[in-house]
């Protein structure tokens, strides 16, 4: 039986390599399938555009806070 040990080791290695290739192929197919289900990535904005959007949101929040305060003051004056 010792005569066949190198052949067995070679066969075992080839089987492992074949299984690894099959696993790689399967995982690749799964990842491609999942990637196809994902939504398209949003276009990236420049830093300047992000800053402008952030300023716009801040202005809206400040204006809303002013409107709320103004409404409270008007109610207080009317009472």
Protein backbone atom coordinates (compact mmCIF):
# COMPACT_ATOMS: atom_id res chain seq x y z
CA UNK A 1 0.00 0.00 0.00
CA UNK A 2 2.89 2.39 0.56
CA UNK A 3 3.66 2.27 -3.13
CA UNK A 4 0.33 3.97 -3.91
CA UNK A 5 0.63 6.78 -1.35
CA UNK A 6 2.06 9.37 -3.79
CA UNK A 7 -0.71 8.58 -6.28
CA UNK A 8 -3.36 8.94 -3.57
CA UNK A 9 -1.90 12.25 -2.48
CA UNK A 10 -1.88 13.46 -6.10
CA UNK A 11 -5.50 12.39 -6.60
CA UNK A 12 -6.56 14.00 -3.33
CA UNK A 13 -4.84 17.26 -4.28
CA UNK A 14 -6.47 17.25 -7.73
CA UNK A 15 -9.88 16.62 -6.16
CA UNK A 16 -9.35 19.49 -3.69
CA UNK A 17 -8.34 21.82 -6.51
CA UNK A 18 -11.34 20.80 -8.58
CA UNK A 19 -13.70 21.34 -5.65
CA UNK A 20 -12.10 24.73 -5.00
CA UNK A 21 -12.65 25.74 -8.63
CA UNK A 22 -16.29 24.61 -8.42
CA UNK A 23 -16.75 26.55 -5.18
CA UNK A 24 -15.17 29.66 -6.71
CA UNK A 25 -17.45 29.37 -9.72
CA UNK A 26 -20.55 28.92 -7.56
CA UNK A 27 -19.66 31.86 -5.33
CA UNK A 28 -18.98 34.00 -8.39
CA UNK A 29 -22.41 33.15 -9.81
CA UNK A 30 -24.09 33.92 -6.48
CA UNK A 31 -22.32 37.25 -6.15
CA UNK A 32 -23.23 38.22 -9.73
CA UNK A 33 -26.86 37.30 -9.06
CA UNK A 34 -26.98 39.36 -5.88
CA UNK A 35 -25.23 42.28 -7.54
CA UNK A 36 -27.82 42.30 -10.32
CA UNK A 37 -30.56 42.70 -7.69
CA UNK A 38 -28.95 45.75 -6.10
CA UNK A 39 -30.09 49.24 -7.12
CA UNK A 40 -27.78 51.27 -9.29
CA UNK A 41 -25.31 53.36 -7.31
CA UNK A 42 -26.19 56.99 -6.86
CA UNK A 43 -24.01 59.36 -8.85
CA UNK A 44 -21.30 60.77 -6.64
CA UNK A 45 -21.44 64.48 -6.01
CA UNK A 46 -18.52 66.80 -5.82
CA UNK A 47 -17.53 68.15 -2.44
CA UNK A 48 -18.79 71.58 -3.45
CA UNK A 49 -22.20 70.21 -4.43
CA UNK A 50 -22.44 68.30 -1.12
CA UNK A 51 -21.56 71.49 0.76
CA UNK A 52 -24.19 73.49 -1.13
CA UNK A 53 -26.84 70.84 -0.39
CA UNK A 54 -25.88 70.86 3.28
CA UNK A 55 -26.16 74.67 3.41
CA UNK A 56 -29.55 74.53 1.72
CA UNK A 57 -30.85 72.03 4.28
CA UNK A 58 -29.51 74.15 7.14
CA UNK A 59 -31.22 77.24 5.73
CA UNK A 60 -34.52 75.35 5.48
CA UNK A 61 -34.22 74.17 9.10
CA UNK A 62 -33.43 77.70 10.32
CA UNK A 63 -36.37 79.12 8.37
CA UNK A 64 -38.70 76.47 9.83
CA UNK A 65 -37.49 77.30 13.36
CA UNK A 66 -38.07 81.02 12.69
CA UNK A 67 -41.58 80.29 11.39
CA UNK A 68 -42.42 78.29 14.53
CA UNK A 69 -41.10 81.04 16.79
CA UNK A 70 -43.00 83.68 14.83
CA UNK A 71 -46.22 81.68 15.13
CA UNK A 72 -45.74 81.39 18.92
CA UNK A 73 -45.05 85.13 19.24
CA UNK A 74 -48.12 86.02 17.15
CA UNK A 75 -50.34 83.78 19.28
CA UNK A 76 -48.91 85.36 22.43
CA UNK A 77 -49.56 88.86 21.08
CA UNK A 78 -53.11 87.98 20.07
CA UNK A 79 -53.96 86.63 23.51
